[in-house]
Amino acid sequence: ALRYPVFRYLWMATVVSNVGGWMYSAASGWLMMDL
């Protein structure tokens, strides 16, 4: 399925979005631990 450019772009955007969500979740817990 990654042969299709539209699917490949959507898949990469989803991966980046998920990593951003994980970073936000970890950072908010870390900030609360510091505060």
PDB file of all heavy atoms in Angstrom:
ATOM      1  N   ALA A   1       0.827  -1.212   0.000  1.00  0.00           N
ATOM      2  CA  ALA A   1       0.000   0.000   0.000  1.00  0.00           C
ATOM      3  C   ALA A   1       0.857   1.256   0.000  1.00  0.00           C
ATOM      4  O   ALA A   1       0.404   2.318  -0.442  1.00  0.00           O
ATOM      5  CB  ALA A   1      -0.917   0.002   1.209  1.00  0.00           C
ATOM      6  N   LEU A   2       2.103   1.160   0.460  1.00  0.00           N
ATOM      7  CA  LEU A   2       2.987   2.322   0.492  1.00  0.00           C
ATOM      8  C   LEU A   2       3.482   2.732  -0.899  1.00  0.00           C
ATOM      9  O   LEU A   2       4.151   3.745  -1.034  1.00  0.00           O
ATOM     10  CB  LEU A   2       4.168   2.069   1.418  1.00  0.00           C
ATOM     11  CG  LEU A   2       3.822   1.988   2.904  1.00  0.00           C
ATOM     12  CD1 LEU A   2       5.032   1.573   3.712  1.00  0.00           C
ATOM     13  CD2 LEU A   2       3.290   3.315   3.402  1.00  0.00           C
ATOM     14  N   ARG A   3       3.134   1.967  -1.918  1.00  0.00           N
ATOM     15  CA  ARG A   3       3.488   2.354  -3.284  1.00  0.00           C
ATOM     16  C   ARG A   3       2.693   3.567  -3.742  1.00  0.00           C
ATOM     17  O   ARG A   3       3.122   4.292  -4.612  1.00  0.00           O
ATOM     18  CB  ARG A   3       3.231   1.204  -4.255  1.00  0.00           C
ATOM     19  CG  ARG A   3       4.233   0.086  -4.141  1.00  0.00           C
ATOM     20  CD  ARG A   3       3.942  -0.971  -5.162  1.00  0.00           C
ATOM     21  NE  ARG A   3       2.633  -1.565  -4.815  1.00  0.00           N
ATOM     22  CZ  ARG A   3       1.898  -2.270  -5.645  1.00  0.00           C
ATOM     23  NH1 ARG A   3       2.291  -2.465  -6.866  1.00  0.00           N
ATOM     24  NH2 ARG A   3       0.758  -2.782  -5.251  1.00  0.00           N
ATOM     25  N   TYR A   4       1.530   3.795  -3.141  1.00  0.00           N
ATOM     26  CA  TYR A   4       0.682   4.915  -3.525  1.00  0.00           C
ATOM     27  C   TYR A   4       1.088   6.160  -2.739  1.00  0.00           C
ATOM     28  O   TYR A   4       1.082   6.157  -1.513  1.00  0.00           O
ATOM     29  CB  TYR A   4      -0.789   4.570  -3.262  1.00  0.00           C
ATOM     30  CG  TYR A   4      -1.234   3.364  -4.034  1.00  0.00           C
ATOM     31  CD1 TYR A   4      -1.306   2.110  -3.428  1.00  0.00           C
ATOM     32  CD2 TYR A   4      -1.570   3.463  -5.375  1.00  0.00           C
ATOM     33  CE1 TYR A   4      -1.706   0.999  -4.131  1.00  0.00           C
ATOM     34  CE2 TYR A   4      -1.972   2.357  -6.097  1.00  0.00           C
ATOM     35  CZ  TYR A   4      -2.035   1.129  -5.467  1.00  0.00           C
ATOM     36  OH  TYR A   4      -2.434   0.033  -6.173  1.00  0.00           O
ATOM     37  N   PRO A   5       1.418   7.247  -3.425  1.00  0.00           N
ATOM     38  CA  PRO A   5       1.932   8.440  -2.733  1.00  0.00           C
ATOM     39  C   PRO A   5       0.951   9.029  -1.729  1.00  0.00           C
ATOM     40  O   PRO A   5       1.357   9.464  -0.650  1.00  0.00           O
ATOM     41  CB  PRO A   5       2.210   9.430  -3.863  1.00  0.00           C
ATOM     42  CG  PRO A   5       2.226   8.649  -5.114  1.00  0.00           C
ATOM     43  CD  PRO A   5       1.441   7.412  -4.873  1.00  0.00           C
ATOM     44  N   VAL A   6      -0.332   9.061  -2.057  1.00  0.00           N
ATOM     45  CA  VAL A   6      -1.306   9.652  -1.140  1.00  0.00           C
ATOM     46  C   VAL A   6      -1.368   8.858   0.161  1.00  0.00           C
ATOM     47  O   VAL A   6      -1.369   9.436   1.259  1.00  0.00           O
ATOM     48  CB  VAL A   6      -2.694   9.726  -1.807  1.00  0.00           C
ATOM     49  CG1 VAL A   6      -3.744  10.175  -0.821  1.00  0.00           C
ATOM     50  CG2 VAL A   6      -2.663  10.625  -3.014  1.00  0.00           C
ATOM     51  N   PHE A   7      -1.392   7.534   0.051  1.00  0.00           N
ATOM     52  CA  PHE A   7      -1.409   6.707   1.250  1.00  0.00           C
ATOM     53  C   PHE A   7      -0.120   6.873   2.035  1.00  0.00           C
ATOM     54  O   PHE A   7      -0.146   6.947   3.258  1.00  0.00           O
ATOM     55  CB  PHE A   7      -1.610   5.238   0.899  1.00  0.00           C
ATOM     56  CG  PHE A   7      -1.627   4.337   2.106  1.00  0.00           C
ATOM     57  CD1 PHE A   7      -2.759   4.232   2.884  1.00  0.00           C
ATOM     58  CD2 PHE A   7      -0.500   3.625   2.480  1.00  0.00           C
ATOM     59  CE1 PHE A   7      -2.785   3.422   4.002  1.00  0.00           C
ATOM     60  CE2 PHE A   7      -0.514   2.821   3.599  1.00  0.00           C
ATOM     61  CZ  PHE A   7      -1.656   2.718   4.360  1.00  0.00           C
ATOM     62  N   ARG A   8       1.028   6.961   1.336  1.00  0.00           N
ATOM     63  CA  ARG A   8       2.317   7.116   1.997  1.00  0.00           C
ATOM     64  C   ARG A   8       2.369   8.424   2.786  1.00  0.00           C
ATOM     65  O   ARG A   8       2.817   8.450   3.931  1.00  0.00           O
ATOM     66  CB  ARG A   8       3.432   7.053   0.958  1.00  0.00           C
ATOM     67  CG  ARG A   8       4.814   6.954   1.530  1.00  0.00           C
ATOM     68  CD  ARG A   8       5.871   6.670   0.470  1.00  0.00           C
ATOM     69  NE  ARG A   8       5.773   7.494  -0.713  1.00  0.00           N
ATOM     70  CZ  ARG A   8       5.537   7.022  -1.944  1.00  0.00           C
ATOM     71  NH1 ARG A   8       5.382   5.731  -2.138  1.00  0.00           N
ATOM     72  NH2 ARG A   8       5.462   7.836  -2.979  1.00  0.00           N
ATOM     73  N   TYR A   9       1.868   9.527   2.202  1.00  0.00           N
ATOM     74  CA  TYR A   9       1.842  10.810   2.908  1.00  0.00           C
ATOM     75  C   TYR A   9       0.912  10.762   4.107  1.00  0.00           C
ATOM     76  O   TYR A   9       1.242  11.295   5.173  1.00  0.00           O
ATOM     77  CB  TYR A   9       1.415  11.937   1.965  1.00  0.00           C
ATOM     78  CG  TYR A   9       2.356  12.154   0.806  1.00  0.00           C
ATOM     79  CD1 TYR A   9       1.874  12.536  -0.428  1.00  0.00           C
ATOM     80  CD2 TYR A   9       3.729  11.956   0.940  1.00  0.00           C
ATOM     81  CE1 TYR A   9       2.726  12.734  -1.499  1.00  0.00           C
ATOM     82  CE2 TYR A   9       4.582  12.153  -0.111  1.00  0.00           C
ATOM     83  CZ  TYR A   9       4.082  12.535  -1.335  1.00  0.00           C
ATOM     84  OH  TYR A   9       4.929  12.724  -2.380  1.00  0.00           O
ATOM     85  N   LEU A  10      -0.234  10.148   3.945  1.00  0.00           N
ATOM     86  CA  LEU A  10      -1.173  10.033   5.060  1.00  0.00           C
ATOM     87  C   LEU A  10      -0.582   9.187   6.182  1.00  0.00           C
ATOM     88  O   LEU A  10      -0.719   9.519   7.360  1.00  0.00           O
ATOM     89  CB  LEU A  10      -2.495   9.432   4.573  1.00  0.00           C
ATOM     90  CG  LEU A  10      -3.587   9.286   5.605  1.00  0.00           C
ATOM     91  CD1 LEU A  10      -4.038  10.647   6.109  1.00  0.00           C
ATOM     92  CD2 LEU A  10      -4.761   8.540   5.010  1.00  0.00           C
ATOM     93  N   TRP A  11       0.097   8.103   5.842  1.00  0.00           N
ATOM     94  CA  TRP A  11       0.704   7.226   6.837  1.00  0.00           C
ATOM     95  C   TRP A  11       1.812   7.959   7.590  1.00  0.00           C
ATOM     96  O   TRP A  11       1.896   7.884   8.819  1.00  0.00           O
ATOM     97  CB  TRP A  11       1.259   5.977   6.145  1.00  0.00           C
ATOM     98  CG  TRP A  11       1.725   4.930   7.083  1.00  0.00           C
ATOM     99  CD1 TRP A  11       0.975   3.989   7.716  1.00  0.00           C
ATOM    100  CD2 TRP A  11       3.082   4.719   7.507  1.00  0.00           C
ATOM    101  NE1 TRP A  11       1.779   3.203   8.500  1.00  0.00           N
ATOM    102  CE2 TRP A  11       3.073   3.624   8.398  1.00  0.00           C
ATOM    103  CE3 TRP A  11       4.285   5.338   7.215  1.00  0.00           C
ATOM    104  CZ2 TRP A  11       4.228   3.161   8.982  1.00  0.00           C
ATOM    105  CZ3 TRP A  11       5.435   4.868   7.805  1.00  0.00           C
ATOM    106  CH2 TRP A  11       5.395   3.785   8.682  1.00  0.00           C
ATOM    107  N   MET A  12       2.647   8.717   6.863  1.00  0.00           N
ATOM    108  CA  MET A  12       3.722   9.461   7.524  1.00  0.00           C
ATOM    109  C   MET A  12       3.152  10.556   8.423  1.00  0.00           C
ATOM    110  O   MET A  12       3.669  10.782   9.522  1.00  0.00           O
ATOM    111  CB  MET A  12       4.665  10.062   6.483  1.00  0.00           C
ATOM    112  CG  MET A  12       5.562   9.031   5.832  1.00  0.00           C
ATOM    113  SD  MET A  12       6.840   9.731   4.767  1.00  0.00           S
ATOM    114  CE  MET A  12       5.886  10.453   3.452  1.00  0.00           C
ATOM    115  N   ALA A  13       2.095  11.227   7.988  1.00  0.00           N
ATOM    116  CA  ALA A  13       1.476  12.260   8.819  1.00  0.00           C
ATOM    117  C   ALA A  13       0.878  11.657  10.081  1.00  0.00           C
ATOM    118  O   ALA A  13       0.962  12.250  11.163  1.00  0.00           O
ATOM    119  CB  ALA A  13       0.406  12.997   8.028  1.00  0.00           C
ATOM    120  N   THR A  14       0.314  10.477   9.986  1.00  0.00           N
ATOM    121  CA  THR A  14      -0.244   9.799  11.152  1.00  0.00           C
ATOM    122  C   THR A  14       0.855   9.414  12.132  1.00  0.00           C
ATOM    123  O   THR A  14       0.690   9.568  13.349  1.00  0.00           O
ATOM    124  CB  THR A  14      -1.033   8.554  10.720  1.00  0.00           C
ATOM    125  OG1 THR A  14      -2.055   8.944   9.798  1.00  0.00           O
ATOM    126  CG2 THR A  14      -1.661   7.858  11.890  1.00  0.00           C
ATOM    127  N   VAL A  15       1.972   8.929  11.641  1.00  0.00           N
ATOM    128  CA  VAL A  15       3.094   8.566  12.515  1.00  0.00           C
ATOM    129  C   VAL A  15       3.621   9.798  13.243  1.00  0.00           C
ATOM    130  O   VAL A  15       3.838   9.769  14.466  1.00  0.00           O
ATOM    131  CB  VAL A  15       4.210   7.867  11.708  1.00  0.00           C
ATOM    132  CG1 VAL A  15       5.483   7.757  12.516  1.00  0.00           C
ATOM    133  CG2 VAL A  15       3.763   6.495  11.251  1.00  0.00           C
ATOM    134  N   VAL A  16       3.797  10.897  12.511  1.00  0.00           N
ATOM    135  CA  VAL A  16       4.289  12.128  13.136  1.00  0.00           C
ATOM    136  C   VAL A  16       3.296  12.633  14.176  1.00  0.00           C
ATOM    137  O   VAL A  16       3.687  13.055  15.274  1.00  0.00           O
ATOM    138  CB  VAL A  16       4.583  13.200  12.058  1.00  0.00           C
ATOM    139  CG1 VAL A  16       4.835  14.560  12.683  1.00  0.00           C
ATOM    140  CG2 VAL A  16       5.754  12.778  11.199  1.00  0.00           C
ATOM    141  N   SER A  17       2.010  12.568  13.868  1.00  0.00           N
ATOM    142  CA  SER A  17       0.991  13.013  14.814  1.00  0.00           C
ATOM    143  C   SER A  17       0.981  12.150  16.069  1.00  0.00           C
ATOM    144  O   SER A  17       0.861  12.670  17.192  1.00  0.00           O
ATOM    145  CB  SER A  17      -0.380  12.974  14.149  1.00  0.00           C
ATOM    146  OG  SER A  17      -1.389  13.304  15.059  1.00  0.00           O
ATOM    147  N   ASN A  18       1.103  10.844  15.912  1.00  0.00           N
ATOM    148  CA  ASN A  18       1.137   9.952  17.075  1.00  0.00           C
ATOM    149  C   ASN A  18       2.364  10.209  17.944  1.00  0.00           C
ATOM    150  O   ASN A  18       2.259  10.234  19.175  1.00  0.00           O
ATOM    151  CB  ASN A  18       1.103   8.491  16.640  1.00  0.00           C
ATOM    152  CG  ASN A  18      -0.283   8.040  16.259  1.00  0.00           C
ATOM    153  OD1 ASN A  18      -1.280   8.591  16.705  1.00  0.00           O
ATOM    154  ND2 ASN A  18      -0.340   7.035  15.418  1.00  0.00           N
ATOM    155  N   VAL A  19       3.515  10.407  17.325  1.00  0.00           N
ATOM    156  CA  VAL A  19       4.726  10.691  18.099  1.00  0.00           C
ATOM    157  C   VAL A  19       4.556  12.004  18.859  1.00  0.00           C
ATOM    158  O   VAL A  19       4.942  12.119  20.028  1.00  0.00           O
ATOM    159  CB  VAL A  19       5.970  10.718  17.184  1.00  0.00           C
ATOM    160  CG1 VAL A  19       7.183  11.276  17.903  1.00  0.00           C
ATOM    161  CG2 VAL A  19       6.265   9.315  16.665  1.00  0.00           C
ATOM    162  N   GLY A  20       3.949  12.999  18.226  1.00  0.00           N
ATOM    163  CA  GLY A  20       3.689  14.265  18.906  1.00  0.00           C
ATOM    164  C   GLY A  20       2.757  14.102  20.091  1.00  0.00           C
ATOM    165  O   GLY A  20       2.953  14.714  21.146  1.00  0.00           O
ATOM    166  N   GLY A  21       1.746  13.266  19.946  1.00  0.00           N
ATOM    167  CA  GLY A  21       0.830  13.001  21.060  1.00  0.00           C
ATOM    168  C   GLY A  21       1.522  12.303  22.209  1.00  0.00           C
ATOM    169  O   GLY A  21       1.268  12.621  23.388  1.00  0.00           O
ATOM    170  N   TRP A  22       2.385  11.365  21.892  1.00  0.00           N
ATOM    171  CA  TRP A  22       3.137  10.662  22.943  1.00  0.00           C
ATOM    172  C   TRP A  22       4.079  11.623  23.657  1.00  0.00           C
ATOM    173  O   TRP A  22       4.220  11.559  24.889  1.00  0.00           O
ATOM    174  CB  TRP A  22       3.937   9.507  22.352  1.00  0.00           C
ATOM    175  CG  TRP A  22       3.113   8.439  21.716  1.00  0.00           C
ATOM    176  CD1 TRP A  22       1.827   8.091  22.025  1.00  0.00           C
ATOM    177  CD2 TRP A  22       3.511   7.596  20.648  1.00  0.00           C
ATOM    178  NE1 TRP A  22       1.405   7.088  21.204  1.00  0.00           N
ATOM    179  CE2 TRP A  22       2.428   6.751  20.339  1.00  0.00           C
ATOM    180  CE3 TRP A  22       4.674   7.467  19.902  1.00  0.00           C
ATOM    181  CZ2 TRP A  22       2.472   5.798  19.340  1.00  0.00           C
ATOM    182  CZ3 TRP A  22       4.717   6.509  18.913  1.00  0.00           C
ATOM    183  CH2 TRP A  22       3.633   5.690  18.644  1.00  0.00           C
ATOM    184  N   MET A  23       4.719  12.500  22.901  1.00  0.00           N
ATOM    185  CA  MET A  23       5.619  13.477  23.513  1.00  0.00           C
ATOM    186  C   MET A  23       4.847  14.436  24.417  1.00  0.00           C
ATOM    187  O   MET A  23       5.306  14.774  25.508  1.00  0.00           O
ATOM    188  CB  MET A  23       6.366  14.268  22.431  1.00  0.00           C
ATOM    189  CG  MET A  23       7.410  13.450  21.698  1.00  0.00           C
ATOM    190  SD  MET A  23       8.103  14.288  20.260  1.00  0.00           S
ATOM    191  CE  MET A  23       8.801  15.719  20.990  1.00  0.00           C
ATOM    192  N   TYR A  24       3.666  14.854  23.982  1.00  0.00           N
ATOM    193  CA  TYR A  24       2.843  15.738  24.799  1.00  0.00           C
ATOM    194  C   TYR A  24       2.435  15.051  26.094  1.00  0.00           C
ATOM    195  O   TYR A  24       2.486  15.643  27.172  1.00  0.00           O
ATOM    196  CB  TYR A  24       1.599  16.171  24.017  1.00  0.00           C
ATOM    197  CG  TYR A  24       0.601  16.908  24.862  1.00  0.00           C
ATOM    198  CD1 TYR A  24       0.803  18.240  25.202  1.00  0.00           C
ATOM    199  CD2 TYR A  24      -0.536  16.278  25.330  1.00  0.00           C
ATOM    200  CE1 TYR A  24      -0.101  18.922  25.992  1.00  0.00           C
ATOM    201  CE2 TYR A  24      -1.446  16.945  26.120  1.00  0.00           C
ATOM    202  CZ  TYR A  24      -1.221  18.270  26.444  1.00  0.00           C
ATOM    203  OH  TYR A  24      -2.115  18.931  27.227  1.00  0.00           O
ATOM    204  N   SER A  25       2.033  13.803  25.999  1.00  0.00           N
ATOM    205  CA  SER A  25       1.611  13.057  27.189  1.00  0.00           C
ATOM    206  C   SER A  25       2.771  12.891  28.174  1.00  0.00           C
ATOM    207  O   SER A  25       2.602  13.103  29.384  1.00  0.00           O
ATOM    208  CB  SER A  25       1.069  11.691  26.771  1.00  0.00           C
ATOM    209  OG  SER A  25       0.655  10.963  27.885  1.00  0.00           O
ATOM    210  N   ALA A  26       3.939  12.541  27.675  1.00  0.00           N
ATOM    211  CA  ALA A  26       5.106  12.382  28.548  1.00  0.00           C
ATOM    212  C   ALA A  26       5.536  13.716  29.138  1.00  0.00           C
ATOM    213  O   ALA A  26       5.863  13.804  30.332  1.00  0.00           O
ATOM    214  CB  ALA A  26       6.257  11.742  27.772  1.00  0.00           C
ATOM    215  N   ALA A  27       5.501  14.774  28.328  1.00  0.00           N
ATOM    216  CA  ALA A  27       5.942  16.080  28.812  1.00  0.00           C
ATOM    217  C   ALA A  27       4.980  16.657  29.843  1.00  0.00           C
ATOM    218  O   ALA A  27       5.414  17.305  30.802  1.00  0.00           O
ATOM    219  CB  ALA A  27       6.085  17.044  27.640  1.00  0.00           C
ATOM    220  N   SER A  28       3.674  16.426  29.670  1.00  0.00           N
ATOM    221  CA  SER A  28       2.737  16.963  30.657  1.00  0.00           C
ATOM    222  C   SER A  28       2.889  16.252  32.001  1.00  0.00           C
ATOM    223  O   SER A  28       2.834  16.896  33.060  1.00  0.00           O
ATOM    224  CB  SER A  28       1.294  16.845  30.147  1.00  0.00           C
ATOM    225  OG  SER A  28       0.916  15.504  29.985  1.00  0.00           O
ATOM    226  N   GLY A  29       3.117  14.962  31.994  1.00  0.00           N
ATOM    227  CA  GLY A  29       3.379  14.245  33.241  1.00  0.00           C
ATOM    228  C   GLY A  29       4.678  14.683  33.893  1.00  0.00           C
ATOM    229  O   GLY A  29       4.758  14.841  35.114  1.00  0.00           O
ATOM    230  N   TRP A  30       5.692  14.899  33.074  1.00  0.00           N
ATOM    231  CA  TRP A  30       6.993  15.341  33.579  1.00  0.00           C
ATOM    232  C   TRP A  30       6.894  16.749  34.183  1.00  0.00           C
ATOM    233  O   TRP A  30       7.441  17.019  35.254  1.00  0.00           O
ATOM    234  CB  TRP A  30       7.987  15.331  32.434  1.00  0.00           C
ATOM    235  CG  TRP A  30       9.425  15.461  32.807  1.00  0.00           C
ATOM    236  CD1 TRP A  30       9.941  15.832  34.026  1.00  0.00           C
ATOM    237  CD2 TRP A  30      10.540  15.236  31.962  1.00  0.00           C
ATOM    238  NE1 TRP A  30      11.301  15.845  33.972  1.00  0.00           N
ATOM    239  CE2 TRP A  30      11.703  15.481  32.717  1.00  0.00           C
ATOM    240  CE3 TRP A  30      10.673  14.848  30.644  1.00  0.00           C
ATOM    241  CZ2 TRP A  30      12.963  15.361  32.190  1.00  0.00           C
ATOM    242  CZ3 TRP A  30      11.937  14.718  30.117  1.00  0.00           C
ATOM    243  CH2 TRP A  30      13.074  14.974  30.886  1.00  0.00           C
ATOM    244  N   LEU A  31       6.161  17.644  33.494  1.00  0.00           N
ATOM    245  CA  LEU A  31       5.993  19.001  34.006  1.00  0.00           C
ATOM    246  C   LEU A  31       5.239  18.988  35.338  1.00  0.00           C
ATOM    247  O   LEU A  31       5.617  19.699  36.276  1.00  0.00           O
ATOM    248  CB  LEU A  31       5.233  19.860  32.995  1.00  0.00           C
ATOM    249  CG  LEU A  31       4.930  21.283  33.435  1.00  0.00           C
ATOM    250  CD1 LEU A  31       6.222  22.068  33.618  1.00  0.00           C
ATOM    251  CD2 LEU A  31       4.007  21.951  32.450  1.00  0.00           C
ATOM    252  N   MET A  32       4.210  18.169  35.451  1.00  0.00           N
ATOM    253  CA  MET A  32       3.472  18.095  36.711  1.00  0.00           C
ATOM    254  C   MET A  32       4.345  17.536  37.824  1.00  0.00           C
ATOM    255  O   MET A  32       4.218  17.945  38.977  1.00  0.00           O
ATOM    256  CB  MET A  32       2.222  17.238  36.565  1.00  0.00           C
ATOM    257  CG  MET A  32       1.025  17.972  36.078  1.00  0.00           C
ATOM    258  SD  MET A  32       0.525  19.250  37.228  1.00  0.00           S
ATOM    259  CE  MET A  32       0.842  20.713  36.313  1.00  0.00           C
ATOM    260  N   MET A  33       5.235  16.607  37.506  1.00  0.00           N
ATOM    261  CA  MET A  33       6.153  16.084  38.518  1.00  0.00           C
ATOM    262  C   MET A  33       7.109  17.171  38.994  1.00  0.00           C
ATOM    263  O   MET A  33       7.462  17.214  40.163  1.00  0.00           O
ATOM    264  CB  MET A  33       6.980  14.928  37.960  1.00  0.00           C
ATOM    265  CG  MET A  33       6.504  13.523  38.252  1.00  0.00           C
ATOM    266  SD  MET A  33       5.775  13.256  39.843  1.00  0.00           S
ATOM    267  CE  MET A  33       7.099  12.511  40.720  1.00  0.00           C
ATOM    268  N   ASP A  34       7.548  18.045  38.062  1.00  0.00           N
ATOM    269  CA  ASP A  34       8.437  19.142  38.449  1.00  0.00           C
ATOM    270  C   ASP A  34       7.705  20.203  39.265  1.00  0.00           C
ATOM    271  O   ASP A  34       8.261  20.765  40.201  1.00  0.00           O
ATOM    272  CB  ASP A  34       9.044  19.793  37.211  1.00  0.00           C
ATOM    273  CG  ASP A  34      10.173  18.966  36.631  1.00  0.00           C
ATOM    274  OD1 ASP A  34      10.641  18.033  37.318  1.00  0.00           O
ATOM    275  OD2 ASP A  34      10.575  19.257  35.482  1.00  0.00           O
ATOM    276  N   LEU A  35       6.454  20.490  38.899  1.00  0.00           N
ATOM    277  CA  LEU A  35       5.700  21.533  39.597  1.00  0.00           C
ATOM    278  C   LEU A  35       5.165  21.072  40.948  1.00  0.00           C
ATOM    279  O   LEU A  35       5.149  21.837  41.907  1.00  0.00           O
ATOM    280  CB  LEU A  35       4.547  22.026  38.729  1.00  0.00           C
ATOM    281  CG  LEU A  35       4.945  22.743  37.441  1.00  0.00           C
ATOM    282  CD1 LEU A  35       3.707  23.100  36.645  1.00  0.00           C
ATOM    283  CD2 LEU A  35       5.766  23.974  37.753  1.00  0.00           C
TER     284      LEU A  35
END
